[in-house]
């Protein structure tokens, strides 16, 4: 095996081993330490995937496909012609590293604070199993393997939301008369809703995979890219099934209603993983599988996808303007931000898909930070009601300052990571031209203005004014574990904003190769 192939296996094997050790070792803290160490090694292995020969990313005439930097292709179930086929290129690499980083930060955070609900080592093990599923989805180059990894995430995320989720009622402390304990029933209901929506999408994904594999006679995503093995009718049917499946996970309006409940009820680390990388499985699947395998279907459905993406931007922003609960507002903001990502994909242009890729990474970094901060605020105040959190900058100025940084990064301030994806998704829509796409670009720009409005409203209500009862007695300091978990995300939001080629540079060649087969 080459060094690249060893790294591909290690990226999946290390978190799997860490999950086993986390539950097998005696002592809760020992399990959490072992899981965190495995997550750290996974991040190192993921980062090293960029080393070695990266010249393979190309489109070769007569051999449709986008070849990866590193590839491992071995028989898995020979009787069914299934192969364990993994690969990484510039489209998947930033998401692989982001997944490994956020998982490490969440596992490290769990060393310091474990939410009520069960052993921390079990929570860390579940986070690592989720990491295996997400990383496998980004690395799989076999449709059946892609589907299996896509499904691995479902049960552990359900367990994280149902077992450690919930929300505290208003009140500044556990002894306060207005304090209510964690609502486990609401957490279980949110987990069930997440599972049912995801299962519905999984059924569509399974049928779509069957349609493609039965028609083409292969599950190899590299060979299928370009759709040369599929008739036009098959591509239209496949894109419809695959697109709907990935739209549920993304989530695309109006298939988004599972997201606010799941985010609001999930524990802090669950919300970070859910927003930071789990949603990206849907948008990545759209680019790699739906668009790559069924390009005719993508061209046919692009206007509908663009309209729904802009609807998500506008609806998400308007709902955020009416929200009075902190985590729920951030959750609905993801609907709008992912709308920009989906608009970029819908344009089927290099500018649009590049905007979608950097928008994916920026959203993961910034929204992950926002959910860490929201969790810290709720842990201190036991409330997420904006009316009870006023005056945060007077009592906890450092926490308020970090919240302000994350909010202005999320609204797309130039110089920070959130700017590039949203701005160039609008530019891509305008570049496509025609009345429909120009209108969609203008409406998306209006949605960007609304995004700024609701995030500035959030800051005004939370950080300004007279300190509310929930924040009156807060300590102004931050825990060392919090700084360790948040500092990489703050740094990345700044670095990606100033040097976007960190993401766009590695993705340029594979995006060009993909578009060469999408627009022959």
Protein backbone atom coordinates (compact mmCIF):
# COMPACT_ATOMS: atom_id res chain seq x y z
CA UNK A 1 0.00 0.00 0.00
CA UNK A 2 1.13 3.54 -0.70
CA UNK A 3 1.38 6.16 2.02
CA UNK A 4 -1.79 7.81 0.72
CA UNK A 5 -3.73 4.56 0.92
CA UNK A 6 -2.51 4.00 4.48
CA UNK A 7 -3.75 7.47 5.40
CA UNK A 8 -7.16 6.81 3.82
CA UNK A 9 -7.56 3.69 5.97
CA UNK A 10 -6.21 5.45 9.06
CA UNK A 11 -8.70 8.31 8.77
CA UNK A 12 -11.53 5.80 9.17
CA UNK A 13 -9.83 3.26 11.45
CA UNK A 14 -8.58 5.68 14.10
CA UNK A 15 -11.96 7.11 15.16
CA UNK A 16 -13.50 3.63 15.01
CA UNK A 17 -10.77 2.33 17.33
CA UNK A 18 -11.18 5.38 19.54
CA UNK A 19 -14.91 4.69 19.89
CA UNK A 20 -14.19 1.11 21.01
CA UNK A 21 -11.58 2.26 23.54
CA UNK A 22 -13.83 5.01 24.88
CA UNK A 23 -16.48 2.51 25.99
CA UNK A 24 -14.12 -0.39 26.80
CA UNK A 25 -11.67 1.35 29.14
CA UNK A 26 -12.56 1.39 32.84
CA UNK A 27 -13.30 4.85 34.13
CA UNK A 28 -15.28 7.55 32.41
CA UNK A 29 -12.42 10.05 32.14
CA UNK A 30 -10.02 7.44 30.75
CA UNK A 31 -12.52 6.67 28.00
CA UNK A 32 -12.91 10.33 27.13
CA UNK A 33 -9.14 10.79 27.03
CA UNK A 34 -8.69 7.80 24.74
CA UNK A 35 -11.42 9.03 22.41
CA UNK A 36 -9.94 12.54 22.31
CA UNK A 37 -6.48 11.12 21.54
CA UNK A 38 -7.95 9.09 18.67
CA UNK A 39 -9.68 12.22 17.35
CA UNK A 40 -6.36 14.11 17.47
CA UNK A 41 -4.58 11.38 15.50
CA UNK A 42 -7.44 11.38 12.98
CA UNK A 43 -6.95 15.10 12.41
CA UNK A 44 -3.23 14.56 11.80
CA UNK A 45 -3.94 11.76 9.31
CA UNK A 46 -6.60 13.87 7.56
CA UNK A 47 -4.26 16.84 7.22
CA UNK A 48 -1.52 14.62 5.77
CA UNK A 49 -3.84 13.53 2.94
CA UNK A 50 -2.77 16.69 1.12
CA UNK A 51 0.81 15.44 0.94
CA UNK A 52 2.27 13.34 -1.86
CA UNK A 53 1.28 13.30 -5.53
CA UNK A 54 -1.67 15.61 -6.18
CA UNK A 55 -1.41 15.60 -9.97
CA UNK A 56 -3.99 12.87 -10.52
CA UNK A 57 -6.95 15.24 -10.46
CA UNK A 58 -7.79 15.37 -14.16
CA UNK A 59 -10.34 14.51 -16.78
CA UNK A 60 -9.04 12.12 -19.39
CA UNK A 61 -10.86 11.96 -22.72
CA UNK A 62 -12.44 8.55 -23.16
CA UNK A 63 -12.27 7.84 -19.41
CA UNK A 64 -15.00 9.97 -17.84
CA UNK A 65 -14.28 10.75 -14.22
CA UNK A 66 -12.55 12.99 -11.75
CA UNK A 67 -9.53 11.12 -10.44
CA UNK A 68 -8.52 11.64 -6.80
CA UNK A 69 -5.17 12.49 -5.25
CA UNK A 70 -5.08 9.16 -3.40
CA UNK A 71 -7.24 6.14 -4.08
CA UNK A 72 -7.76 2.74 -2.48
CA UNK A 73 -9.82 0.24 -4.47
CA UNK A 74 -9.99 -3.36 -3.22
CA UNK A 75 -12.67 -6.10 -3.46
CA UNK A 76 -15.13 -6.03 -0.58
CA UNK A 77 -18.02 -8.39 -1.43
CA UNK A 78 -16.88 -10.06 -4.68
CA UNK A 79 -20.10 -12.05 -5.11
CA UNK A 80 -22.05 -8.77 -5.39
CA UNK A 81 -19.22 -6.92 -7.17
CA UNK A 82 -18.96 -4.46 -4.27
CA UNK A 83 -15.64 -2.72 -3.72
CA UNK A 84 -14.11 -0.84 -0.81
CA UNK A 85 -13.27 2.19 -2.92
CA UNK A 86 -11.99 5.34 -1.20
CA UNK A 87 -10.41 8.51 -2.53
CA UNK A 88 -9.78 12.15 -1.70
CA UNK A 89 -9.37 15.24 -3.86
CA UNK A 90 -9.71 19.00 -3.53
CA UNK A 91 -13.52 18.85 -3.31
CA UNK A 92 -13.59 16.47 -0.36
CA UNK A 93 -10.31 17.32 1.39
CA UNK A 94 -11.40 20.58 3.12
CA UNK A 95 -14.52 18.84 4.44
CA UNK A 96 -12.48 15.87 5.69
CA UNK A 97 -10.18 18.19 7.65
CA UNK A 98 -13.12 20.25 8.95
CA UNK A 99 -14.87 17.09 10.17
CA UNK A 100 -11.74 15.86 11.95
CA UNK A 101 -11.14 19.27 13.54
CA UNK A 102 -14.69 19.79 14.84
CA UNK A 103 -14.82 16.25 16.21
CA UNK A 104 -11.55 16.79 18.06
CA UNK A 105 -12.80 20.09 19.51
CA UNK A 106 -16.05 18.46 20.64
CA UNK A 107 -14.27 15.49 22.22
CA UNK A 108 -11.83 17.84 23.94
CA UNK A 109 -14.70 20.00 25.15
CA UNK A 110 -16.29 16.87 26.63
CA UNK A 111 -13.20 16.39 28.79
CA UNK A 112 -14.22 19.58 30.58
CA UNK A 113 -18.02 19.51 30.46
CA UNK A 114 -20.33 16.54 29.98
CA UNK A 115 -24.04 17.36 29.60
CA UNK A 116 -26.54 15.59 31.82
CA UNK A 117 -27.78 12.32 30.38
CA UNK A 118 -25.12 9.65 30.65
CA UNK A 119 -21.45 8.77 30.71
CA UNK A 120 -19.16 11.18 28.92
CA UNK A 121 -17.14 8.31 27.47
CA UNK A 122 -20.24 6.98 25.72
CA UNK A 123 -20.95 10.45 24.32
CA UNK A 124 -17.38 10.67 22.99
CA UNK A 125 -17.70 7.20 21.45
CA UNK A 126 -20.90 8.23 19.67
CA UNK A 127 -19.21 11.38 18.34
CA UNK A 128 -16.41 9.24 16.94
CA UNK A 129 -18.86 6.85 15.26
CA UNK A 130 -20.57 9.86 13.71
CA UNK A 131 -17.14 11.00 12.52
CA UNK A 132 -16.54 7.63 10.84
CA UNK A 133 -19.84 7.95 8.96
CA UNK A 134 -19.23 11.53 7.84
CA UNK A 135 -15.61 10.94 6.81
CA UNK A 136 -16.61 7.75 4.98
CA UNK A 137 -19.26 9.69 3.08
CA UNK A 138 -16.68 12.26 1.96
CA UNK A 139 -14.15 9.58 0.98
CA UNK A 140 -16.36 6.90 -0.63
CA UNK A 141 -16.00 6.44 -4.39
CA UNK A 142 -18.47 3.56 -4.58
CA UNK A 143 -22.18 4.39 -4.53
CA UNK A 144 -23.14 1.47 -2.29
CA UNK A 145 -20.31 2.28 0.12
CA UNK A 146 -21.37 5.94 0.01
CA UNK A 147 -24.91 4.95 0.99
CA UNK A 148 -23.72 2.77 3.89
CA UNK A 149 -21.50 5.49 5.33
CA UNK A 150 -24.31 8.01 4.83
CA UNK A 151 -26.52 5.83 7.03
CA UNK A 152 -23.94 5.20 9.76
CA UNK A 153 -24.57 8.70 11.11
CA UNK A 154 -28.29 8.24 11.81
CA UNK A 155 -28.45 6.11 14.97
CA UNK A 156 -25.54 7.68 16.91
CA UNK A 157 -26.82 11.21 16.22
CA UNK A 158 -30.28 10.09 17.34
CA UNK A 159 -28.72 8.78 20.55
CA UNK A 160 -26.77 12.01 21.15
CA UNK A 161 -29.90 14.18 20.81
CA UNK A 162 -32.20 11.85 22.75
CA UNK A 163 -29.72 10.88 25.46
CA UNK A 164 -27.89 14.12 26.21
CA UNK A 165 -30.22 16.70 24.69
CA UNK A 166 -32.92 18.89 26.15
CA UNK A 167 -33.14 22.49 27.19
CA UNK A 168 -33.22 24.29 30.49
CA UNK A 169 -35.93 26.71 31.36
CA UNK A 170 -35.49 30.36 32.32
CA UNK A 171 -33.73 31.21 35.51
CA UNK A 172 -30.23 32.27 36.48
CA UNK A 173 -29.37 29.19 38.53
CA UNK A 174 -30.55 25.73 39.45
CA UNK A 175 -31.87 27.05 42.73
CA UNK A 176 -33.98 29.72 41.09
CA UNK A 177 -37.73 29.24 41.40
CA UNK A 178 -38.22 29.65 37.66
CA UNK A 179 -35.62 27.05 36.76
CA UNK A 180 -36.93 23.93 34.97
CA UNK A 181 -34.92 20.74 34.52
CA UNK A 182 -33.78 19.46 31.17
CA UNK A 183 -36.77 18.44 29.04
CA UNK A 184 -35.93 14.88 27.98
CA UNK A 185 -39.30 14.30 26.32
CA UNK A 186 -38.74 17.25 23.99
CA UNK A 187 -35.25 15.98 23.21
CA UNK A 188 -36.56 12.53 22.32
CA UNK A 189 -39.28 14.06 20.15
CA UNK A 190 -36.67 16.14 18.29
CA UNK A 191 -34.49 13.05 17.86
CA UNK A 192 -37.41 11.07 16.45
CA UNK A 193 -38.22 13.86 14.01
CA UNK A 194 -34.59 13.95 12.89
CA UNK A 195 -34.59 10.16 12.43
CA UNK A 196 -37.87 10.08 10.49
CA UNK A 197 -36.83 12.83 8.08
CA UNK A 198 -33.42 11.24 7.59
CA UNK A 199 -34.94 7.81 7.02
CA UNK A 200 -37.29 9.25 4.41
CA UNK A 201 -34.32 10.78 2.63
CA UNK A 202 -32.45 7.49 2.96
CA UNK A 203 -35.20 5.60 1.18
CA UNK A 204 -34.98 8.03 -1.74
CA UNK A 205 -31.20 7.75 -1.74
CA UNK A 206 -31.35 3.95 -1.78
CA UNK A 207 -33.79 3.93 -4.69
CA UNK A 208 -31.63 6.47 -6.55
CA UNK A 209 -28.52 4.36 -6.02
CA UNK A 210 -30.38 1.28 -7.27
CA UNK A 211 -31.57 3.14 -10.39
CA UNK A 212 -28.04 4.25 -11.23
CA UNK A 213 -26.26 0.98 -10.46
CA UNK A 214 -28.83 -1.22 -12.24
CA UNK A 215 -28.76 0.97 -15.34
CA UNK A 216 -24.99 1.47 -15.53
CA UNK A 217 -23.89 -1.93 -14.25
CA UNK A 218 -21.34 -0.34 -11.90
CA UNK A 219 -21.29 1.56 -8.60
CA UNK A 220 -17.91 3.21 -9.29
CA UNK A 221 -18.45 6.97 -8.85
CA UNK A 222 -15.30 7.76 -10.86
CA UNK A 223 -16.55 5.74 -13.84
CA UNK A 224 -20.09 7.10 -13.47
CA UNK A 225 -19.05 10.77 -13.38
CA UNK A 226 -20.30 12.40 -16.57
CA UNK A 227 -23.34 10.14 -16.89
CA UNK A 228 -22.12 8.53 -20.10
CA UNK A 229 -23.47 5.15 -18.98
CA UNK A 230 -26.99 6.50 -18.33
CA UNK A 231 -29.78 7.53 -20.68
CA UNK A 232 -31.42 10.94 -20.36
CA UNK A 233 -34.55 9.48 -18.75
CA UNK A 234 -32.47 7.56 -16.21
CA UNK A 235 -30.47 10.68 -15.37
CA UNK A 236 -33.63 12.72 -14.80
CA UNK A 237 -35.07 10.05 -12.51
CA UNK A 238 -31.76 9.55 -10.70
CA UNK A 239 -31.21 13.25 -10.10
CA UNK A 240 -34.74 13.69 -8.79
CA UNK A 241 -34.32 10.86 -6.27
CA UNK A 242 -30.77 11.74 -5.26
CA UNK A 243 -31.48 15.47 -5.17
CA UNK A 244 -34.47 15.05 -2.86
CA UNK A 245 -32.47 12.76 -0.57
CA UNK A 246 -29.62 15.25 -0.29
CA UNK A 247 -32.05 18.19 0.03
CA UNK A 248 -33.43 16.64 3.24
CA UNK A 249 -29.94 16.42 4.74
CA UNK A 250 -28.77 19.86 3.54
CA UNK A 251 -31.55 20.96 4.47
CA UNK A 252 -33.37 22.68 1.62
CA UNK A 253 -36.62 24.54 2.21
CA UNK A 254 -39.34 23.21 2.65
CA UNK A 255 -37.67 19.96 3.85
CA UNK A 256 -35.91 21.75 6.71
CA UNK A 257 -38.36 21.53 9.60
CA UNK A 258 -36.40 18.81 11.44
CA UNK A 259 -33.38 21.08 11.80
CA UNK A 260 -34.51 23.77 14.31
CA UNK A 261 -35.85 21.21 16.78
CA UNK A 262 -32.76 19.01 16.49
CA UNK A 263 -30.42 21.96 16.99
CA UNK A 264 -32.40 23.46 19.85
CA UNK A 265 -32.63 20.20 21.80
CA UNK A 266 -29.19 18.75 21.03
CA UNK A 267 -26.34 19.20 23.52
CA UNK A 268 -23.70 21.75 22.59
CA UNK A 269 -21.32 19.22 21.00
CA UNK A 270 -24.22 17.64 19.10
CA UNK A 271 -25.26 21.00 17.66
CA UNK A 272 -21.67 21.76 16.63
CA UNK A 273 -21.30 18.48 14.73
CA UNK A 274 -24.81 18.69 13.29
CA UNK A 275 -24.36 22.21 11.92
CA UNK A 276 -20.64 22.05 11.28
CA UNK A 277 -20.35 18.94 9.13
CA UNK A 278 -23.44 16.72 9.10
CA UNK A 279 -25.39 19.14 6.91
CA UNK A 280 -22.47 19.14 4.48
CA UNK A 281 -23.12 15.49 3.66
CA UNK A 282 -26.14 16.69 1.68
CA UNK A 283 -24.42 19.46 -0.25
CA UNK A 284 -21.35 17.30 -0.89
CA UNK A 285 -23.61 14.52 -2.16
CA UNK A 286 -25.27 16.95 -4.54
CA UNK A 287 -21.92 17.96 -6.05
CA UNK A 288 -20.13 14.62 -6.08
CA UNK A 289 -23.00 12.22 -6.77
CA UNK A 290 -26.14 13.94 -8.05
CA UNK A 291 -24.47 16.49 -10.34
CA UNK A 292 -21.52 14.28 -11.25
CA UNK A 293 -23.47 11.10 -12.01
CA UNK A 294 -26.54 12.71 -13.59
CA UNK A 295 -25.40 15.97 -15.23
CA UNK A 296 -28.37 16.08 -17.63
CA UNK A 297 -30.69 15.79 -14.66
CA UNK A 298 -28.76 18.57 -12.92
CA UNK A 299 -29.11 20.90 -15.90
CA UNK A 300 -32.82 20.09 -16.12
CA UNK A 301 -33.49 20.69 -12.42
CA UNK A 302 -31.14 23.65 -11.90
CA UNK A 303 -33.82 26.39 -12.14
CA UNK A 304 -36.03 24.62 -9.59
CA UNK A 305 -33.09 24.09 -7.25
CA UNK A 306 -32.14 27.76 -7.61
CA UNK A 307 -35.68 28.93 -6.78
CA UNK A 308 -35.86 26.69 -3.70
CA UNK A 309 -32.40 27.82 -2.59
CA UNK A 310 -33.40 31.49 -2.72
CA UNK A 311 -36.65 30.66 -0.93
CA UNK A 312 -34.55 29.06 1.82
CA UNK A 313 -32.43 32.21 2.08
CA UNK A 314 -35.43 34.51 2.38
CA UNK A 315 -37.59 32.28 4.58
CA UNK A 316 -34.70 31.46 6.90
CA UNK A 317 -33.83 35.13 7.30
CA UNK A 318 -37.41 36.24 7.92
CA UNK A 319 -37.97 33.51 10.51
CA UNK A 320 -34.73 34.52 12.25
CA UNK A 321 -36.00 38.10 12.50
CA UNK A 322 -38.95 36.78 14.53
CA UNK A 323 -37.00 34.39 16.77
CA UNK A 324 -36.59 35.05 20.49
CA UNK A 325 -34.57 31.95 21.42
CA UNK A 326 -30.82 31.92 20.89
CA UNK A 327 -30.13 28.37 19.64
CA UNK A 328 -33.30 28.31 17.55
CA UNK A 329 -32.27 31.53 15.82
CA UNK A 330 -28.83 30.10 15.01
CA UNK A 331 -30.50 26.91 13.78
CA UNK A 332 -32.76 28.78 11.37
CA UNK A 333 -29.77 30.82 10.21
CA UNK A 334 -28.31 27.56 8.90
CA UNK A 335 -31.31 27.21 6.59
CA UNK A 336 -30.47 30.56 5.02
CA UNK A 337 -26.72 30.00 4.85
CA UNK A 338 -27.12 26.59 3.26
CA UNK A 339 -29.48 28.25 0.79
CA UNK A 340 -26.50 30.24 -0.52
CA UNK A 341 -24.51 27.01 -0.83
CA UNK A 342 -27.33 25.36 -2.79
CA UNK A 343 -27.73 28.43 -5.01
CA UNK A 344 -24.06 28.18 -5.94
CA UNK A 345 -24.47 24.50 -6.82
CA UNK A 346 -27.61 25.23 -8.85
CA UNK A 347 -25.74 27.60 -11.16
CA UNK A 348 -23.52 24.68 -12.34
CA UNK A 349 -20.66 27.13 -12.92
CA UNK A 350 -17.10 27.14 -11.61
CA UNK A 351 -17.79 30.32 -9.65
CA UNK A 352 -20.96 28.88 -8.14
CA UNK A 353 -19.55 25.51 -7.13
CA UNK A 354 -16.42 27.13 -5.72
CA UNK A 355 -18.68 29.48 -3.75
CA UNK A 356 -20.61 26.46 -2.48
CA UNK A 357 -17.43 24.67 -1.38
CA UNK A 358 -15.99 27.62 0.53
CA UNK A 359 -19.46 28.40 1.87
CA UNK A 360 -19.65 24.88 3.24
CA UNK A 361 -16.37 25.25 5.10
CA UNK A 362 -17.12 28.78 6.32
CA UNK A 363 -20.53 27.75 7.62
CA UNK A 364 -19.01 24.80 9.46
CA UNK A 365 -16.40 26.98 11.14
CA UNK A 366 -18.61 29.96 12.00
CA UNK A 367 -21.81 28.16 12.97
CA UNK A 368 -19.79 25.63 14.96
CA UNK A 369 -18.36 28.58 16.91
CA UNK A 370 -21.83 30.14 17.31
CA UNK A 371 -23.23 26.92 18.80
CA UNK A 372 -20.26 26.61 21.16
CA UNK A 373 -20.94 30.17 22.34
CA UNK A 374 -24.70 29.63 22.59
CA UNK A 375 -24.06 26.51 24.67
CA UNK A 376 -21.72 28.43 26.97
CA UNK A 377 -24.32 31.16 27.45
CA UNK A 378 -27.10 28.66 28.20
CA UNK A 379 -24.86 26.69 30.57
CA UNK A 380 -24.21 29.89 32.54
CA UNK A 381 -27.67 31.42 32.46
CA UNK A 382 -29.95 28.35 31.99
CA UNK A 383 -31.97 30.25 29.42
CA UNK A 384 -31.82 31.01 25.73
CA UNK A 385 -34.51 33.69 25.75
CA UNK A 386 -33.07 36.83 24.19
CA UNK A 387 -35.08 39.04 26.51
CA UNK A 388 -33.34 37.51 29.55
CA UNK A 389 -29.83 37.83 28.11
CA UNK A 390 -29.61 41.58 27.58
CA UNK A 391 -26.53 43.38 28.81
CA UNK A 392 -24.17 40.47 28.35
CA UNK A 393 -21.25 42.78 27.48
CA UNK A 394 -21.57 44.46 30.90
CA UNK A 395 -21.21 41.24 32.88
CA UNK A 396 -19.27 38.92 30.53
CA UNK A 397 -17.50 41.19 28.00
CA UNK A 398 -15.20 38.47 26.64
CA UNK A 399 -18.08 36.12 25.90
CA UNK A 400 -20.05 39.00 24.37
CA UNK A 401 -17.04 39.98 22.23
CA UNK A 402 -16.65 36.46 20.86
CA UNK A 403 -20.36 36.31 20.11
CA UNK A 404 -20.09 39.60 18.22
CA UNK A 405 -17.13 38.29 16.20
CA UNK A 406 -18.99 35.11 15.27
CA UNK A 407 -22.12 37.06 14.35
CA UNK A 408 -20.35 39.50 12.03
CA UNK A 409 -18.47 36.59 10.46
CA UNK A 410 -21.79 34.84 9.87
CA UNK A 411 -23.40 37.89 8.27
CA UNK A 412 -20.63 37.94 5.64
CA UNK A 413 -18.40 40.81 6.69
CA UNK A 414 -15.58 41.18 4.11
CA UNK A 415 -12.32 39.86 5.50
CA UNK A 416 -13.99 36.99 7.35
CA UNK A 417 -14.83 33.50 6.08
CA UNK A 418 -18.57 34.02 5.63
CA UNK A 419 -18.12 36.66 2.91
CA UNK A 420 -16.82 34.58 0.02
CA UNK A 421 -19.48 31.90 -0.28
CA UNK A 422 -22.44 34.26 -0.09
CA UNK A 423 -21.00 36.98 -2.29
CA UNK A 424 -19.91 34.69 -5.08
CA UNK A 425 -23.08 32.62 -5.02
CA UNK A 426 -24.86 35.87 -5.94
CA UNK A 427 -22.19 36.69 -8.54
CA UNK A 428 -22.54 33.22 -10.07
CA UNK A 429 -26.31 33.60 -10.41
CA UNK A 430 -25.86 36.96 -12.14
CA UNK A 431 -23.18 35.51 -14.43
CA UNK A 432 -25.53 32.75 -15.63
CA UNK A 433 -27.75 35.51 -16.99
CA UNK A 434 -31.37 35.53 -18.07
CA UNK A 435 -34.33 36.98 -16.24
CA UNK A 436 -34.73 34.06 -13.83
CA UNK A 437 -31.12 33.87 -12.65
CA UNK A 438 -30.65 37.62 -12.40
CA UNK A 439 -33.83 37.80 -10.31
CA UNK A 440 -32.58 34.98 -8.10
CA UNK A 441 -29.26 36.76 -7.66
CA UNK A 442 -30.97 39.99 -6.65
CA UNK A 443 -33.29 38.21 -4.20
CA UNK A 444 -30.34 36.33 -2.71
CA UNK A 445 -28.57 39.68 -2.19
CA UNK A 446 -31.69 40.93 -0.40
CA UNK A 447 -31.49 37.79 1.73
CA UNK A 448 -27.89 38.70 2.57
CA UNK A 449 -29.09 42.07 3.82
CA UNK A 450 -31.75 40.35 5.93
CA UNK A 451 -29.04 38.08 7.32
CA UNK A 452 -27.15 41.13 8.52
CA UNK A 453 -30.37 42.53 10.00
CA UNK A 454 -31.23 39.52 12.16
CA UNK A 455 -27.68 38.99 13.37
CA UNK A 456 -27.31 42.65 14.33
CA UNK A 457 -30.69 42.40 16.06
CA UNK A 458 -29.35 39.38 17.96
CA UNK A 459 -26.32 41.35 19.12
CA UNK A 460 -28.40 44.35 20.13
CA UNK A 461 -30.74 42.24 22.24
CA UNK A 462 -28.08 40.05 23.85
CA UNK A 463 -25.04 42.27 24.35
CA UNK A 464 -26.58 45.74 24.79
CA UNK A 465 -28.97 47.24 27.28
CA UNK A 466 -29.38 46.81 31.00
CA UNK A 467 -28.22 43.40 32.27
CA UNK A 468 -31.16 41.01 32.57
CA UNK A 469 -31.70 38.82 35.63
CA UNK A 470 -30.15 35.78 33.97
CA UNK A 471 -26.81 37.51 33.29
CA UNK A 472 -26.58 39.83 36.29
CA UNK A 473 -24.30 37.58 38.33
CA UNK A 474 -22.16 36.05 35.59
CA UNK A 475 -18.43 35.66 36.01
CA UNK A 476 -16.56 37.72 33.40
CA UNK A 477 -13.93 35.03 32.78
CA UNK A 478 -13.74 32.14 30.34
CA UNK A 479 -12.58 28.61 31.15
CA UNK A 480 -9.33 27.43 29.63
CA UNK A 481 -11.10 24.50 27.95
CA UNK A 482 -13.48 26.93 26.28
CA UNK A 483 -10.63 29.01 24.90
CA UNK A 484 -8.87 25.90 23.60
CA UNK A 485 -12.06 24.73 21.83
CA UNK A 486 -12.98 28.10 20.37
CA UNK A 487 -9.59 29.58 19.40
CA UNK A 488 -9.06 27.37 16.29
CA UNK A 489 -12.48 28.35 14.93
CA UNK A 490 -11.87 32.06 15.52
CA UNK A 491 -8.50 31.76 13.80
CA UNK A 492 -9.91 29.81 10.85
CA UNK A 493 -12.78 32.29 10.36
CA UNK A 494 -10.16 35.02 10.04
CA UNK A 495 -7.58 33.10 8.00
CA UNK A 496 -10.07 31.71 5.45
CA UNK A 497 -11.55 35.18 5.09
CA UNK A 498 -8.15 36.70 4.35
CA UNK A 499 -6.69 33.76 2.37
CA UNK A 500 -9.60 32.00 0.63
CA UNK A 501 -7.20 30.13 -1.64
CA UNK A 502 -6.65 27.73 1.26
CA UNK A 503 -9.98 26.21 0.19
CA UNK A 504 -10.41 27.49 -3.36
CA UNK A 505 -6.88 26.61 -4.45
CA UNK A 506 -7.17 22.88 -3.77
CA UNK A 507 -10.68 22.74 -5.25
CA UNK A 508 -9.98 24.58 -8.51
CA UNK A 509 -8.70 21.64 -10.58
CA UNK A 510 -11.32 19.05 -9.55
CA UNK A 511 -14.15 21.56 -9.99
CA UNK A 512 -12.91 22.36 -13.51
CA UNK A 513 -12.68 18.63 -14.25
CA UNK A 514 -16.18 18.03 -12.93
CA UNK A 515 -17.66 20.86 -14.98
CA UNK A 516 -15.93 19.52 -18.09
CA UNK A 517 -18.11 16.43 -17.88
CA UNK A 518 -21.20 18.35 -16.73
CA UNK A 519 -20.96 20.72 -19.73
CA UNK A 520 -19.40 18.53 -22.47
